[in-house]
Amino acid sequence: MGRARAWLRVALMQKKLADYLKILVDYRDEELVDYFEPDALMMSDEAIVIVGLMVGLNVIDCNLCIKEEDLDSQQGVIDFSLYLRSSHHPNHHIQGTVSCPDSPLGLESENMNVV
């Protein structure tokens, strides 16, 4: 598992992850049938779309350590629940907001408040 994590980090630093995965997707019928289930995402047509979206990762400059000793160990889980909205108030109306900003009257009244 540590080698796979190191490979991912190197691919991100080289800005080649999308290129490497595109090669895998191009040869998936010949090479990957032994490693993936037939209904796996990597074997579906959606894999091409995902690889295309991963090209956007090339704009990020990654500087990751690949010589860490803990690449083989279980990584910690990040708790994102603190960043999510509370489900206790789903229709919470904030004072001063317009209920329908897409309508012409809603936009007009909102613009009047700005001036």
C-alpha atoms as a PDB file:
ATOM      1  CA  MET A   1       0.000   0.000   0.000  1.00  0.00           C
ATOM      2  CA  GLY A   2       2.905   2.320   0.684  1.00  0.00           C
ATOM      3  CA  ARG A   3       4.163   1.973  -2.882  1.00  0.00           C
ATOM      4  CA  ALA A   4       0.750   2.929  -4.246  1.00  0.00           C
ATOM      5  CA  ARG A   5       0.617   6.010  -2.004  1.00  0.00           C
ATOM      6  CA  ALA A   6       4.143   6.987  -3.023  1.00  0.00           C
ATOM      7  CA  TRP A   7       3.247   6.502  -6.712  1.00  0.00           C
ATOM      8  CA  LEU A   8       0.177   8.716  -6.323  1.00  0.00           C
ATOM      9  CA  ARG A   9       2.250  11.421  -4.664  1.00  0.00           C
ATOM     10  CA  VAL A  10       4.930  11.293  -7.368  1.00  0.00           C
ATOM     11  CA  ALA A  11       2.284  11.373 -10.112  1.00  0.00           C
ATOM     12  CA  LEU A  12       0.668  14.424  -8.505  1.00  0.00           C
ATOM     13  CA  MET A  13       4.008  16.205  -8.160  1.00  0.00           C
ATOM     14  CA  GLN A  14       4.865  15.448 -11.809  1.00  0.00           C
ATOM     15  CA  LYS A  15       1.361  16.550 -12.879  1.00  0.00           C
ATOM     16  CA  LYS A  16       0.962  13.227 -14.692  1.00  0.00           C
ATOM     17  CA  LEU A  17      -1.760  11.463 -12.687  1.00  0.00           C
ATOM     18  CA  ALA A  18      -4.435  12.070 -15.341  1.00  0.00           C
ATOM     19  CA  ASP A  19      -2.044  10.882 -18.065  1.00  0.00           C
ATOM     20  CA  TYR A  20      -1.199   7.679 -16.201  1.00  0.00           C
ATOM     21  CA  LEU A  21      -4.844   6.902 -15.498  1.00  0.00           C
ATOM     22  CA  LYS A  22      -5.768   7.614 -19.133  1.00  0.00           C
ATOM     23  CA  ILE A  23      -3.257   4.979 -20.224  1.00  0.00           C
ATOM     24  CA  LEU A  24      -4.844   2.524 -17.807  1.00  0.00           C
ATOM     25  CA  VAL A  25      -8.322   3.340 -19.096  1.00  0.00           C
ATOM     26  CA  ASP A  26      -7.199   3.005 -22.723  1.00  0.00           C
ATOM     27  CA  TYR A  27      -5.927  -0.532 -22.086  1.00  0.00           C
ATOM     28  CA  ARG A  28      -8.545  -1.568 -19.534  1.00  0.00           C
ATOM     29  CA  ASP A  29     -10.096  -4.268 -21.722  1.00  0.00           C
ATOM     30  CA  GLU A  30      -6.747  -5.997 -22.194  1.00  0.00           C
ATOM     31  CA  GLU A  31      -4.879  -5.418 -18.960  1.00  0.00           C
ATOM     32  CA  LEU A  32      -7.324  -4.598 -16.165  1.00  0.00           C
ATOM     33  CA  VAL A  33      -9.916  -7.365 -16.523  1.00  0.00           C
ATOM     34  CA  ASP A  34      -7.930  -9.551 -14.130  1.00  0.00           C
ATOM     35  CA  TYR A  35      -7.831  -6.867 -11.425  1.00  0.00           C
ATOM     36  CA  PHE A  36     -11.272  -5.205 -11.537  1.00  0.00           C
ATOM     37  CA  GLU A  37     -14.848  -6.457 -11.412  1.00  0.00           C
ATOM     38  CA  PRO A  38     -16.808  -5.942 -14.655  1.00  0.00           C
ATOM     39  CA  ASP A  39     -19.067  -3.340 -13.021  1.00  0.00           C
ATOM     40  CA  ALA A  40     -16.219  -1.397 -11.376  1.00  0.00           C
ATOM     41  CA  LEU A  41     -15.920   2.326 -12.081  1.00  0.00           C
ATOM     42  CA  MET A  42     -12.529   1.828 -13.710  1.00  0.00           C
ATOM     43  CA  MET A  43     -14.102  -0.555 -16.231  1.00  0.00           C
ATOM     44  CA  SER A  44     -17.081   1.686 -17.076  1.00  0.00           C
ATOM     45  CA  ASP A  45     -17.339   4.461 -19.642  1.00  0.00           C
ATOM     46  CA  GLU A  46     -17.541   6.985 -16.799  1.00  0.00           C
ATOM     47  CA  ALA A  47     -13.848   6.378 -16.118  1.00  0.00           C
ATOM     48  CA  ILE A  48     -13.012   8.400 -19.227  1.00  0.00           C
ATOM     49  CA  VAL A  49     -14.997  11.352 -17.866  1.00  0.00           C
ATOM     50  CA  ILE A  50     -13.323  11.112 -14.467  1.00  0.00           C
ATOM     51  CA  VAL A  51      -9.860  10.979 -16.029  1.00  0.00           C
ATOM     52  CA  GLY A  52     -10.770  14.049 -18.074  1.00  0.00           C
ATOM     53  CA  LEU A  53     -11.785  15.879 -14.909  1.00  0.00           C
ATOM     54  CA  MET A  54      -8.510  14.912 -13.250  1.00  0.00           C
ATOM     55  CA  VAL A  55      -6.638  17.059 -15.769  1.00  0.00           C
ATOM     56  CA  GLY A  56      -7.733  19.970 -13.582  1.00  0.00           C
ATOM     57  CA  LEU A  57      -5.388  18.694 -10.875  1.00  0.00           C
ATOM     58  CA  ASN A  58      -2.462  19.789 -13.052  1.00  0.00           C
ATOM     59  CA  VAL A  59      -2.933  23.407 -11.964  1.00  0.00           C
ATOM     60  CA  ILE A  60      -2.077  22.479  -8.370  1.00  0.00           C
ATOM     61  CA  ASP A  61       1.595  22.485  -7.441  1.00  0.00           C
ATOM     62  CA  CYS A  62       2.076  19.569  -5.066  1.00  0.00           C
ATOM     63  CA  ASN A  63       5.107  19.223  -2.846  1.00  0.00           C
ATOM     64  CA  LEU A  64       4.537  15.959  -1.012  1.00  0.00           C
ATOM     65  CA  CYS A  65       6.951  13.850   0.992  1.00  0.00           C
ATOM     66  CA  ILE A  66       7.463  10.376  -0.456  1.00  0.00           C
ATOM     67  CA  LYS A  67      10.063   9.154   2.020  1.00  0.00           C
ATOM     68  CA  GLU A  68       7.762   8.963   5.014  1.00  0.00           C
ATOM     69  CA  GLU A  69       7.956   5.796   7.034  1.00  0.00           C
ATOM     70  CA  ASP A  70       4.216   5.746   7.675  1.00  0.00           C
ATOM     71  CA  LEU A  71       3.122   5.319   4.045  1.00  0.00           C
ATOM     72  CA  ASP A  72       2.332   1.671   4.798  1.00  0.00           C
ATOM     73  CA  SER A  73       0.314   2.402   7.929  1.00  0.00           C
ATOM     74  CA  GLN A  74      -3.367   3.271   8.192  1.00  0.00           C
ATOM     75  CA  GLN A  75      -3.980   6.967   7.565  1.00  0.00           C
ATOM     76  CA  GLY A  76      -6.146   9.035   9.884  1.00  0.00           C
ATOM     77  CA  VAL A  77      -9.664  10.054   8.969  1.00  0.00           C
ATOM     78  CA  ILE A  78     -10.506  13.743   8.638  1.00  0.00           C
ATOM     79  CA  ASP A  79     -13.826  14.667  10.225  1.00  0.00           C
ATOM     80  CA  PHE A  80     -15.537  17.061   7.820  1.00  0.00           C
ATOM     81  CA  SER A  81     -18.760  17.204   9.827  1.00  0.00           C
ATOM     82  CA  LEU A  82     -17.634  20.457  11.447  1.00  0.00           C
ATOM     83  CA  TYR A  83     -17.659  22.126   8.029  1.00  0.00           C
ATOM     84  CA  LEU A  84     -21.101  20.902   6.976  1.00  0.00           C
ATOM     85  CA  ARG A  85     -24.285  22.861   7.552  1.00  0.00           C
ATOM     86  CA  SER A  86     -26.441  21.881  10.441  1.00  0.00           C
ATOM     87  CA  SER A  87     -29.475  19.838   9.461  1.00  0.00           C
ATOM     88  CA  HIS A  88     -31.465  21.268  12.392  1.00  0.00           C
ATOM     89  CA  HIS A  89     -32.371  24.435  10.460  1.00  0.00           C
ATOM     90  CA  PRO A  90     -32.865  23.429   6.811  1.00  0.00           C
ATOM     91  CA  ASN A  91     -35.010  26.455   5.874  1.00  0.00           C
ATOM     92  CA  HIS A  92     -33.325  28.988   8.084  1.00  0.00           C
ATOM     93  CA  HIS A  93     -34.098  32.436   6.629  1.00  0.00           C
ATOM     94  CA  ILE A  94     -31.355  35.012   7.113  1.00  0.00           C
ATOM     95  CA  GLN A  95     -32.523  38.563   7.822  1.00  0.00           C
ATOM     96  CA  GLY A  96     -32.164  40.816   4.777  1.00  0.00           C
ATOM     97  CA  THR A  97     -32.135  38.156   2.070  1.00  0.00           C
ATOM     98  CA  VAL A  98     -34.555  38.049  -0.836  1.00  0.00           C
ATOM     99  CA  SER A  99     -36.704  34.944  -1.066  1.00  0.00           C
ATOM    100  CA  CYS A 100     -36.501  34.623  -4.871  1.00  0.00           C
ATOM    101  CA  PRO A 101     -33.421  36.386  -6.274  1.00  0.00           C
ATOM    102  CA  ASP A 102     -33.962  34.924  -9.771  1.00  0.00           C
ATOM    103  CA  SER A 103     -37.180  36.859 -10.344  1.00  0.00           C
ATOM    104  CA  PRO A 104     -36.871  40.350 -11.861  1.00  0.00           C
ATOM    105  CA  LEU A 105     -38.561  41.937  -8.841  1.00  0.00           C
ATOM    106  CA  GLY A 106     -36.277  40.094  -6.462  1.00  0.00           C
ATOM    107  CA  LEU A 107     -33.149  41.260  -8.277  1.00  0.00           C
ATOM    108  CA  GLU A 108     -34.482  44.796  -8.560  1.00  0.00           C
ATOM    109  CA  SER A 109     -35.248  45.050  -4.855  1.00  0.00           C
ATOM    110  CA  GLU A 110     -31.881  43.545  -3.997  1.00  0.00           C
ATOM    111  CA  ASN A 111     -30.133  46.100  -6.224  1.00  0.00           C
ATOM    112  CA  MET A 112     -32.083  48.912  -4.543  1.00  0.00           C
ATOM    113  CA  ASN A 113     -30.770  47.749  -1.165  1.00  0.00           C
ATOM    114  CA  VAL A 114     -27.195  47.925  -2.470  1.00  0.00           C
ATOM    115  CA  VAL A 115     -27.549  51.550  -3.604  1.00  0.00           C
END
